[in-house]
Amino acid sequence: MGGTTLNLCIKAPREKAEILRRALQRLGILDRSRTITPSNGSVLIPITRNLLSDEMNVLAQLSQVEVTYSELPSPRSKPKDLMSTLDDILPPHLLALLPRSFDIVGDIAIIEDLAPELLPHGETLAKAMMQIHPRVRTVLLKTGKVEGDFRIPRLTLLGGEEKYETIHAEYGVKLKVDLSKAYFSPRLATEHHRVASQVRDGEVVVDMFAGVGPFSILIAKKASAKVFSIDINPNAISLLKENLRLNRLRGEVVPLCGDVRTIAPQLKGIADRVIMNLPASSLDYLDVAVAILKSDGGMIHIYLFTKDDPIQNSKEMFNSRLNGQVKKCEIVNARVVKPVAPREWQVVIDALVVP
């Protein structure tokens, strides 16, 4: 015969449940697999191990507590993916069409593409996504390419709250994003961190197509650098300014709203580093980037779209466009950032350039 399984937990007054839960979470001993359970005016908070004496002292300052064993509800299994969540709801031919990937920006999920057959089931799909990711409050579907000078995607609501504004966190910075007003991609988080990690104290950086500031703010977070952040979209610059207030920075960020060609003459010859995250047309602005670099040279990080052999093609495109414009150019790195379509990729090139 099987006996009753007792679980290690803390018994405490019900009104102290939340403050104790937070304290146990900070101590790293809260058992997240089980729920806090009421018990005769008290609560039972599950823990993963016995408390050390100093941990007990910390909790005792917050509330009267008792370590005990009690039978708690079995752990609730969390749905792992859309397929298993919708297995009993959608027929097999629709399950086979479910999206394999999506982006999460703050508490908003964004599906890049959805088979037409699934569109009538959009709300069901959205509910399943929110069940899998409890922090998600809104599920959007991208219904068109990122187009225009402001690079704003066309989005439609599939389910949840109808909102486009959220706070997104990456690598220790907070970014206020409004997906209806300015471009932002969480898939570039690794690139934001990679580039920011190369910047040294005292550098002057020009972020030519800054958006809401993910490159600029992470750079100024990590280094005592001065970053000039340019974008033609006034909504993006407005959000960038809000993001400056959200983060404690070591460096300085100077937001500049306008066409980069118009602003560039003010920044001629000042930059140790230039970031060009406008892959659809960045090559058209290489002359501007070169003019911004210091006379003894600096680093250009340029993002571009290419097909077929992505690394070789991107290098050839870059060198061809730069040919004759500079005294010296050395490509120190070229890598695929992400696929953007069948047989099409986004690539980044890091090049040391002397004007």
Protein backbone atom coordinates (compact mmCIF):
# COMPACT_ATOMS: atom_id res chain seq x y z
CA MET A 1 0.00 0.00 0.00
CA GLY A 2 1.27 3.49 -0.84
CA GLY A 3 1.49 6.03 1.95
CA THR A 4 0.66 9.74 1.88
CA THR A 5 3.51 11.94 0.65
CA LEU A 6 4.24 14.88 2.93
CA ASN A 7 5.88 18.01 1.58
CA LEU A 8 8.28 20.33 3.34
CA CYS A 9 6.72 23.76 3.82
CA ILE A 10 6.44 26.83 6.01
CA LYS A 11 3.29 27.54 7.97
CA ALA A 12 2.57 31.25 8.45
CA PRO A 13 -0.30 33.74 8.90
CA ARG A 14 -2.30 34.22 5.73
CA GLU A 15 -1.72 37.99 5.64
CA LYS A 16 2.04 37.39 5.52
CA ALA A 17 1.90 34.96 2.58
CA GLU A 18 3.09 37.36 -0.15
CA ILE A 19 5.95 38.96 1.77
CA LEU A 20 7.20 35.50 2.81
CA ARG A 21 6.86 34.15 -0.72
CA ARG A 22 9.07 36.96 -2.00
CA ALA A 23 11.63 36.39 0.74
CA LEU A 24 11.78 32.64 0.02
CA GLN A 25 12.14 33.40 -3.67
CA ARG A 26 15.10 35.71 -2.97
CA LEU A 27 16.67 33.00 -0.79
CA GLY A 28 16.23 30.52 -3.65
CA ILE A 29 14.28 27.94 -1.66
CA LEU A 30 10.69 28.53 -2.81
CA ASP A 31 9.24 25.35 -4.37
CA ARG A 32 7.66 26.75 -7.52
CA SER A 33 6.28 23.37 -8.57
CA ARG A 34 3.59 23.45 -5.89
CA THR A 35 1.02 26.07 -4.93
CA ILE A 36 0.66 27.98 -1.68
CA THR A 37 -2.23 26.30 0.15
CA PRO A 38 -4.66 27.71 2.79
CA SER A 39 -4.87 25.79 6.09
CA ASN A 40 -7.17 26.86 8.97
CA GLY A 41 -6.46 30.59 8.78
CA SER A 42 -2.82 30.05 7.89
CA VAL A 43 -0.99 29.28 4.66
CA LEU A 44 1.42 26.51 3.76
CA ILE A 45 4.26 27.73 1.54
CA PRO A 46 6.23 24.92 -0.13
CA ILE A 47 10.05 25.00 0.13
CA THR A 48 12.74 22.89 -1.51
CA ARG A 49 14.87 22.19 1.61
CA ASN A 50 15.20 22.86 5.31
CA LEU A 51 16.11 26.39 6.37
CA LEU A 52 19.57 27.33 7.62
CA SER A 53 19.68 29.22 10.91
CA ASP A 54 20.44 32.60 9.29
CA GLU A 55 17.61 32.05 6.77
CA MET A 56 15.25 31.29 9.63
CA ASN A 57 16.32 34.53 11.31
CA VAL A 58 15.54 36.50 8.15
CA LEU A 59 12.02 35.06 7.95
CA ALA A 60 11.42 35.48 11.69
CA GLN A 61 11.89 39.22 11.28
CA LEU A 62 9.02 39.23 8.79
CA SER A 63 6.54 36.92 10.51
CA GLN A 64 6.02 34.09 12.93
CA VAL A 65 6.83 30.97 10.91
CA GLU A 66 6.92 27.23 11.48
CA VAL A 67 8.71 24.65 9.34
CA THR A 68 6.51 21.62 8.97
CA TYR A 69 5.48 18.78 6.69
CA SER A 70 2.05 18.67 5.10
CA GLU A 71 0.27 17.10 2.16
CA LEU A 72 0.09 19.64 -0.67
CA PRO A 73 -1.70 19.42 -4.03
CA SER A 74 0.23 17.57 -6.72
CA PRO A 75 2.28 19.76 -9.07
CA ARG A 76 0.29 21.01 -12.02
CA SER A 77 1.90 20.12 -15.28
CA LYS A 78 2.43 23.15 -17.49
CA PRO A 79 1.63 22.81 -21.20
CA LYS A 80 4.93 22.53 -23.07
CA ASP A 81 4.00 23.59 -26.58
CA LEU A 82 1.14 24.51 -28.88
CA MET A 83 0.87 21.01 -30.32
CA SER A 84 0.23 19.32 -26.96
CA THR A 85 -1.99 22.17 -25.72
CA LEU A 86 -4.25 22.07 -28.78
CA ASP A 87 -4.09 18.32 -29.38
CA ASP A 88 -7.68 17.74 -28.25
CA ILE A 89 -9.02 20.96 -29.76
CA LEU A 90 -7.80 21.15 -33.36
CA PRO A 91 -7.87 18.36 -35.96
CA PRO A 92 -4.55 16.78 -37.04
CA HIS A 93 -4.35 18.61 -40.37
CA LEU A 94 -4.49 21.97 -38.55
CA LEU A 95 -2.07 20.87 -35.83
CA ALA A 96 0.48 20.25 -38.59
CA LEU A 97 0.17 23.91 -39.64
CA LEU A 98 0.83 25.44 -36.21
CA PRO A 99 3.59 28.08 -36.16
CA ARG A 100 6.90 26.67 -34.97
CA SER A 101 8.28 29.97 -33.66
CA PHE A 102 7.17 33.38 -32.49
CA ASP A 103 8.63 36.43 -30.75
CA ILE A 104 7.85 37.65 -27.26
CA VAL A 105 8.29 41.37 -26.60
CA GLY A 106 7.55 42.13 -22.96
CA ASP A 107 4.08 40.66 -22.40
CA ILE A 108 3.19 40.61 -26.12
CA ALA A 109 3.64 37.57 -28.38
CA ILE A 110 4.04 38.14 -32.11
CA ILE A 111 3.45 35.43 -34.71
CA GLU A 112 5.37 36.12 -37.92
CA ASP A 113 3.22 34.03 -40.24
CA LEU A 114 0.05 31.95 -39.97
CA ALA A 115 -1.43 29.50 -42.45
CA PRO A 116 -4.77 30.78 -43.86
CA GLU A 117 -6.51 27.64 -42.58
CA LEU A 118 -5.64 28.66 -38.99
CA LEU A 119 -6.95 32.21 -39.20
CA PRO A 120 -10.52 31.25 -38.09
CA HIS A 121 -8.90 29.63 -35.02
CA GLY A 122 -6.78 32.68 -34.14
CA GLU A 123 -8.41 33.29 -30.76
CA THR A 124 -8.05 29.62 -29.79
CA LEU A 125 -4.39 29.75 -30.77
CA ALA A 126 -3.88 32.95 -28.77
CA LYS A 127 -5.45 31.44 -25.65
CA ALA A 128 -3.17 28.43 -25.94
CA MET A 129 -0.11 30.67 -26.24
CA MET A 130 -1.13 32.62 -23.16
CA GLN A 131 -1.63 29.35 -21.28
CA ILE A 132 1.89 28.22 -22.19
CA HIS A 133 3.38 31.65 -21.40
CA PRO A 134 1.42 33.05 -18.43
CA ARG A 135 3.12 36.45 -18.64
CA VAL A 136 1.82 37.03 -22.17
CA ARG A 137 -1.28 39.23 -22.21
CA THR A 138 -1.57 39.95 -25.94
CA VAL A 139 -1.03 37.85 -29.08
CA LEU A 140 -0.50 39.68 -32.38
CA LEU A 141 -0.13 38.43 -35.93
CA LYS A 142 2.18 40.17 -38.38
CA THR A 143 0.10 40.74 -41.52
CA GLY A 144 2.61 42.57 -43.69
CA LYS A 145 6.29 43.29 -44.17
CA VAL A 146 8.16 46.02 -42.33
CA GLU A 147 7.98 48.88 -44.82
CA GLY A 148 8.43 52.62 -45.11
CA ASP A 149 10.93 55.03 -43.57
CA PHE A 150 9.56 54.35 -40.08
CA ARG A 151 9.83 50.53 -40.46
CA ILE A 152 6.50 49.86 -38.73
CA PRO A 153 5.07 46.35 -39.18
CA ARG A 154 1.40 45.72 -39.86
CA LEU A 155 -0.10 43.82 -36.95
CA THR A 156 -3.53 42.47 -36.06
CA LEU A 157 -4.87 41.21 -32.73
CA LEU A 158 -5.41 37.44 -32.42
CA GLY A 159 -6.36 37.35 -28.75
CA GLY A 160 -5.90 38.87 -25.30
CA GLU A 161 -5.72 42.57 -24.54
CA GLU A 162 -5.66 44.92 -27.52
CA LYS A 163 -2.42 46.75 -26.87
CA TYR A 164 0.90 47.38 -28.61
CA GLU A 165 2.88 49.08 -25.86
CA THR A 166 4.97 47.09 -23.39
CA ILE A 167 8.21 47.04 -21.40
CA HIS A 168 10.78 44.60 -22.77
CA ALA A 169 13.86 43.54 -20.81
CA GLU A 170 17.13 42.27 -22.26
CA TYR A 171 20.62 42.02 -20.81
CA GLY A 172 19.80 44.19 -17.81
CA VAL A 173 18.09 47.08 -19.61
CA LYS A 174 14.42 47.99 -19.86
CA LEU A 175 13.00 49.14 -23.16
CA LYS A 176 9.59 50.72 -23.62
CA VAL A 177 8.29 49.56 -26.98
CA ASP A 178 5.20 50.50 -28.97
CA LEU A 179 4.94 48.04 -31.84
CA SER A 180 2.36 50.22 -33.60
CA LYS A 181 4.70 53.22 -33.71
CA ALA A 182 8.32 52.04 -33.97
CA TYR A 183 10.32 49.03 -35.12
CA PHE A 184 11.74 46.60 -32.58
CA SER A 185 13.01 43.02 -32.88
CA PRO A 186 13.84 40.85 -29.84
CA ARG A 187 15.76 38.55 -32.19
CA LEU A 188 18.59 41.08 -32.23
CA ALA A 189 19.21 40.87 -28.47
CA THR A 190 22.41 38.88 -28.97
CA GLU A 191 23.66 41.47 -31.46
CA HIS A 192 22.85 44.35 -29.11
CA HIS A 193 24.93 42.63 -26.42
CA ARG A 194 27.74 41.57 -28.76
CA VAL A 195 28.30 45.08 -30.11
CA ALA A 196 27.86 46.79 -26.73
CA SER A 197 30.46 44.47 -25.20
CA GLN A 198 33.08 45.78 -27.66
CA VAL A 199 32.64 49.43 -26.73
CA ARG A 200 35.26 50.88 -24.37
CA ASP A 201 35.08 53.82 -21.98
CA GLY A 202 35.64 57.13 -23.75
CA GLU A 203 34.41 56.02 -27.16
CA VAL A 204 32.11 58.12 -29.32
CA VAL A 205 29.50 55.97 -31.04
CA VAL A 206 26.95 56.94 -33.70
CA ASP A 207 23.86 54.71 -33.88
CA MET A 208 22.60 55.76 -37.31
CA PHE A 209 19.19 54.04 -37.20
CA ALA A 210 18.60 53.82 -33.47
CA GLY A 211 14.89 53.01 -33.20
CA VAL A 212 13.84 52.91 -29.53
CA GLY A 213 17.50 52.60 -28.54
CA PRO A 214 18.41 48.94 -27.86
CA PHE A 215 22.00 49.34 -29.12
CA SER A 216 22.47 52.84 -27.70
CA ILE A 217 21.12 52.18 -24.23
CA LEU A 218 22.94 48.88 -23.72
CA ILE A 219 26.20 50.54 -24.82
CA ALA A 220 25.70 53.40 -22.35
CA LYS A 221 24.76 50.89 -19.66
CA LYS A 222 27.99 48.93 -20.08
CA ALA A 223 30.50 51.69 -20.93
CA SER A 224 31.21 55.33 -20.18
CA ALA A 225 30.76 56.22 -23.83
CA LYS A 226 28.92 58.99 -25.68
CA VAL A 227 26.31 57.70 -28.12
CA PHE A 228 24.59 59.85 -30.74
CA SER A 229 21.30 58.07 -31.51
CA ILE A 230 19.62 59.05 -34.76
CA ASP A 231 16.22 58.06 -36.12
CA ILE A 232 13.88 59.63 -38.64
CA ASN A 233 10.80 58.39 -36.73
CA PRO A 234 9.77 60.93 -34.04
CA ASN A 235 7.83 58.22 -32.18
CA ALA A 236 10.98 56.10 -31.95
CA ILE A 237 12.96 59.05 -30.57
CA SER A 238 10.18 59.79 -28.07
CA LEU A 239 10.33 56.18 -26.85
CA LEU A 240 14.13 56.35 -26.76
CA LYS A 241 13.93 59.36 -24.44
CA GLU A 242 11.56 57.46 -22.15
CA ASN A 243 13.98 54.52 -22.15
CA LEU A 244 16.77 56.82 -21.01
CA ARG A 245 14.67 57.59 -17.94
CA LEU A 246 14.01 53.89 -17.32
CA ASN A 247 17.68 52.91 -17.08
CA ARG A 248 20.68 53.93 -15.01
CA LEU A 249 23.49 54.53 -17.48
CA ARG A 250 27.25 54.96 -17.17
CA GLY A 251 27.51 56.73 -20.50
CA GLU A 252 25.56 59.46 -22.29
CA VAL A 253 22.99 59.07 -25.05
CA VAL A 254 22.13 62.04 -27.27
CA PRO A 255 18.84 61.48 -29.18
CA LEU A 256 18.64 63.13 -32.61
CA CYS A 257 15.47 63.05 -34.70
CA GLY A 258 15.76 63.44 -38.46
CA ASP A 259 17.18 62.04 -41.67
CA VAL A 260 20.69 60.76 -41.04
CA ARG A 261 22.03 62.49 -44.18
CA THR A 262 20.79 65.82 -42.87
CA ILE A 263 22.23 65.26 -39.39
CA ALA A 264 25.53 63.67 -40.45
CA PRO A 265 27.40 66.93 -41.28
CA GLN A 266 27.08 67.91 -37.59
CA LEU A 267 28.87 64.68 -36.63
CA LYS A 268 31.61 64.66 -39.26
CA GLY A 269 34.81 62.99 -38.06
CA ILE A 270 33.73 62.35 -34.46
CA ALA A 271 33.02 58.60 -34.24
CA ASP A 272 35.14 55.70 -33.06
CA ARG A 273 32.28 53.36 -34.00
CA VAL A 274 29.21 53.50 -36.25
CA ILE A 275 26.22 51.14 -36.10
CA MET A 276 24.12 50.71 -39.26
CA ASN A 277 21.07 48.60 -38.46
CA LEU A 278 18.95 49.27 -41.56
CA PRO A 279 19.52 46.04 -43.49
CA ALA A 280 17.26 46.82 -46.46
CA SER A 281 19.25 49.92 -47.44
CA SER A 282 22.29 50.26 -45.17
CA LEU A 283 24.73 50.01 -48.09
CA ASP A 284 23.24 53.23 -49.50
CA TYR A 285 24.47 55.07 -46.38
CA LEU A 286 28.03 53.77 -46.27
CA ASP A 287 29.37 57.13 -47.47
CA VAL A 288 27.64 58.80 -44.53
CA ALA A 289 29.16 56.32 -42.06
CA VAL A 290 32.63 56.85 -43.49
CA ALA A 291 32.28 60.62 -43.15
CA ILE A 292 31.27 60.26 -39.49
CA LEU A 293 34.35 58.18 -38.56
CA LYS A 294 37.40 59.83 -37.05
CA SER A 295 40.22 60.61 -39.48
CA ASP A 296 42.40 57.84 -38.03
CA GLY A 297 39.61 55.29 -38.53
CA GLY A 298 37.09 53.30 -36.56
CA MET A 299 34.71 50.36 -36.58
CA ILE A 300 31.58 50.04 -38.71
CA HIS A 301 28.93 47.47 -37.79
CA ILE A 302 26.69 47.17 -40.84
CA TYR A 303 23.62 44.92 -41.19
CA LEU A 304 22.37 43.86 -44.62
CA PHE A 305 20.16 41.33 -46.37
CA THR A 306 21.67 38.83 -48.78
CA LYS A 307 20.80 35.62 -50.61
CA ASP A 308 22.51 32.32 -51.45
CA ASP A 309 26.07 32.22 -50.01
CA PRO A 310 25.36 34.84 -47.30
CA ILE A 311 28.85 35.49 -45.91
CA GLN A 312 30.65 35.65 -49.25
CA ASN A 313 27.87 37.65 -50.88
CA SER A 314 27.69 40.17 -48.07
CA LYS A 315 31.47 40.71 -48.13
CA GLU A 316 31.40 41.26 -51.90
CA MET A 317 28.50 43.70 -51.64
CA PHE A 318 30.22 45.63 -48.87
CA ASN A 319 33.63 45.80 -50.54
CA SER A 320 32.11 46.75 -53.89
CA ARG A 321 30.19 49.66 -52.39
CA LEU A 322 33.15 50.85 -50.30
CA ASN A 323 35.71 50.54 -53.10
CA GLY A 324 37.51 53.83 -53.73
CA GLN A 325 35.86 55.62 -50.79
CA VAL A 326 38.44 54.85 -48.08
CA LYS A 327 42.18 54.51 -47.51
CA LYS A 328 41.92 51.18 -45.72
CA CYS A 329 39.30 48.57 -44.86
CA GLU A 330 39.65 45.30 -42.96
CA ILE A 331 36.64 43.03 -42.40
CA VAL A 332 37.26 41.57 -38.95
CA ASN A 333 34.00 39.65 -38.65
CA ALA A 334 31.04 38.57 -40.78
CA ARG A 335 28.25 36.39 -39.46
CA VAL A 336 24.66 35.41 -40.18
CA VAL A 337 22.32 37.10 -37.69
CA LYS A 338 19.10 35.31 -38.69
CA PRO A 339 17.18 33.94 -41.68
CA VAL A 340 14.51 36.34 -42.94
CA ALA A 341 12.97 34.31 -45.78
CA PRO A 342 13.71 31.13 -47.75
CA ARG A 343 17.29 31.47 -49.05
CA GLU A 344 17.61 34.98 -47.60
CA TRP A 345 19.53 36.04 -44.50
CA GLN A 346 20.39 39.04 -42.40
CA VAL A 347 24.17 39.36 -42.06
CA VAL A 348 26.37 41.65 -39.97
CA ILE A 349 29.82 42.80 -41.04
CA ASP A 350 32.27 44.39 -38.59
CA ALA A 351 34.93 46.34 -40.47
CA LEU A 352 37.82 48.53 -39.40
CA VAL A 353 37.78 51.47 -41.79
CA VAL A 354 40.17 54.39 -42.27
CA PRO A 355 38.48 57.20 -44.28
